[in-house]
Amino acid sequence: MKTKTRPFDAANYLRDEEDVAAYLAVVMEEGDPALLAGALGDIARARGMTQLARDTGLSRESLYRSLSGERAPSSDTLFKVMKAMGLQLSIHPAKVA
């Protein structure tokens, strides 16, 4: 008997704001804009892409493309998405090793 598996999807594990904050904190440490976009896409799918489209004024298709993680979306799109999700960036000095 074969075991059926599904690909990992972070959206299935983002249950509350603490999960979202922890996930984004790890992603931000990487410094990769495409990875950030993909993480925001995971959060959007966990919360509902349709509502995010309404809140940002962007189409669902555009959001899926922009937040796929395959490319870095414009800063305008990132800021619209973060604002609609109730998220804000916080800047602090980097830790020096």
Protein backbone atom coordinates (compact mmCIF):
# COMPACT_ATOMS: atom_id res chain seq x y z
CA MET A 1 0.00 0.00 0.00
CA LYS A 2 1.37 3.39 -1.01
CA THR A 3 1.22 6.37 1.30
CA LYS A 4 -0.29 9.47 -0.26
CA THR A 5 1.40 12.74 0.58
CA ARG A 6 0.77 16.35 -0.27
CA PRO A 7 3.37 19.03 -0.85
CA PHE A 8 4.09 21.21 2.16
CA ASP A 9 2.00 24.38 2.22
CA ALA A 10 2.84 26.96 4.90
CA ALA A 11 -0.66 28.46 4.54
CA ASN A 12 -2.02 25.39 6.35
CA TYR A 13 -0.01 26.28 9.46
CA LEU A 14 -0.59 30.03 9.78
CA ARG A 15 -3.36 29.92 12.36
CA ASP A 16 -2.93 33.23 14.18
CA GLU A 17 -1.01 36.50 14.21
CA GLU A 18 1.84 35.01 16.25
CA ASP A 19 2.37 32.31 13.60
CA VAL A 20 2.35 34.98 10.88
CA ALA A 21 4.82 37.21 12.76
CA ALA A 22 7.21 34.32 13.45
CA TYR A 23 7.05 33.18 9.83
CA LEU A 24 7.75 36.68 8.48
CA ALA A 25 10.59 37.22 10.96
CA VAL A 26 12.39 34.14 9.64
CA VAL A 27 11.72 35.11 6.02
CA MET A 28 12.99 38.67 6.55
CA GLU A 29 16.30 37.32 7.90
CA GLU A 30 16.98 35.86 4.45
CA GLY A 31 16.82 39.27 2.75
CA ASP A 32 15.23 37.84 -0.41
CA PRO A 33 12.37 39.93 -1.89
CA ALA A 34 10.98 36.96 -3.86
CA LEU A 35 10.92 34.86 -0.67
CA LEU A 36 9.10 37.68 1.13
CA ALA A 37 6.56 37.83 -1.70
CA GLY A 38 6.03 34.07 -1.47
CA ALA A 39 5.55 34.28 2.30
CA LEU A 40 2.99 37.06 1.88
CA GLY A 41 1.29 34.82 -0.68
CA ASP A 42 1.14 32.00 1.88
CA ILE A 43 -0.42 34.38 4.40
CA ALA A 44 -2.87 35.68 1.80
CA ARG A 45 -3.99 32.15 0.95
CA ALA A 46 -4.37 31.33 4.64
CA ARG A 47 -6.55 34.42 5.17
CA GLY A 48 -8.37 34.51 1.84
CA MET A 49 -7.06 35.88 -1.43
CA THR A 50 -10.45 37.23 -2.51
CA GLN A 51 -10.70 39.57 0.47
CA LEU A 52 -7.11 40.70 -0.04
CA ALA A 53 -7.93 41.53 -3.66
CA ARG A 54 -10.84 43.68 -2.50
CA ASP A 55 -8.76 45.41 0.16
CA THR A 56 -5.85 46.21 -2.16
CA GLY A 57 -7.80 46.99 -5.31
CA LEU A 58 -5.69 44.46 -7.21
CA SER A 59 -7.08 41.46 -9.09
CA ARG A 60 -6.77 37.99 -7.61
CA GLU A 61 -4.79 36.90 -10.65
CA SER A 62 -2.35 39.76 -10.22
CA LEU A 63 -1.94 38.93 -6.54
CA TYR A 64 -1.32 35.24 -7.24
CA ARG A 65 1.36 36.19 -9.79
CA SER A 66 2.95 38.86 -7.60
CA LEU A 67 2.94 36.73 -4.46
CA SER A 68 4.02 33.45 -6.06
CA GLY A 69 7.61 33.77 -4.86
CA GLU A 70 8.88 33.31 -8.40
CA ARG A 71 9.85 36.97 -8.69
CA ALA A 72 10.07 40.09 -6.59
CA PRO A 73 6.96 42.24 -6.97
CA SER A 74 7.07 46.03 -6.98
CA SER A 75 7.45 47.78 -3.66
CA ASP A 76 4.08 49.41 -4.34
CA THR A 77 2.40 45.99 -4.45
CA LEU A 78 4.24 44.78 -1.34
CA PHE A 79 3.20 47.83 0.66
CA LYS A 80 -0.44 47.59 -0.50
CA VAL A 81 -0.54 43.93 0.49
CA MET A 82 1.09 44.47 3.88
CA LYS A 83 -1.22 47.39 4.68
CA ALA A 84 -4.30 45.39 3.69
CA MET A 85 -3.10 42.51 5.90
CA GLY A 86 -2.60 44.84 8.86
CA LEU A 87 1.17 44.33 8.80
CA GLN A 88 3.93 46.89 9.12
CA LEU A 89 7.68 46.77 8.76
CA SER A 90 9.87 47.68 11.66
CA ILE A 91 13.47 48.74 11.14
CA HIS A 92 16.24 48.14 13.65
CA PRO A 93 20.03 47.82 13.46
CA ALA A 94 21.24 44.51 12.09
CA LYS A 95 23.05 42.15 14.43
CA VAL A 96 26.74 42.09 13.68
CA ALA A 97 28.45 38.73 14.09
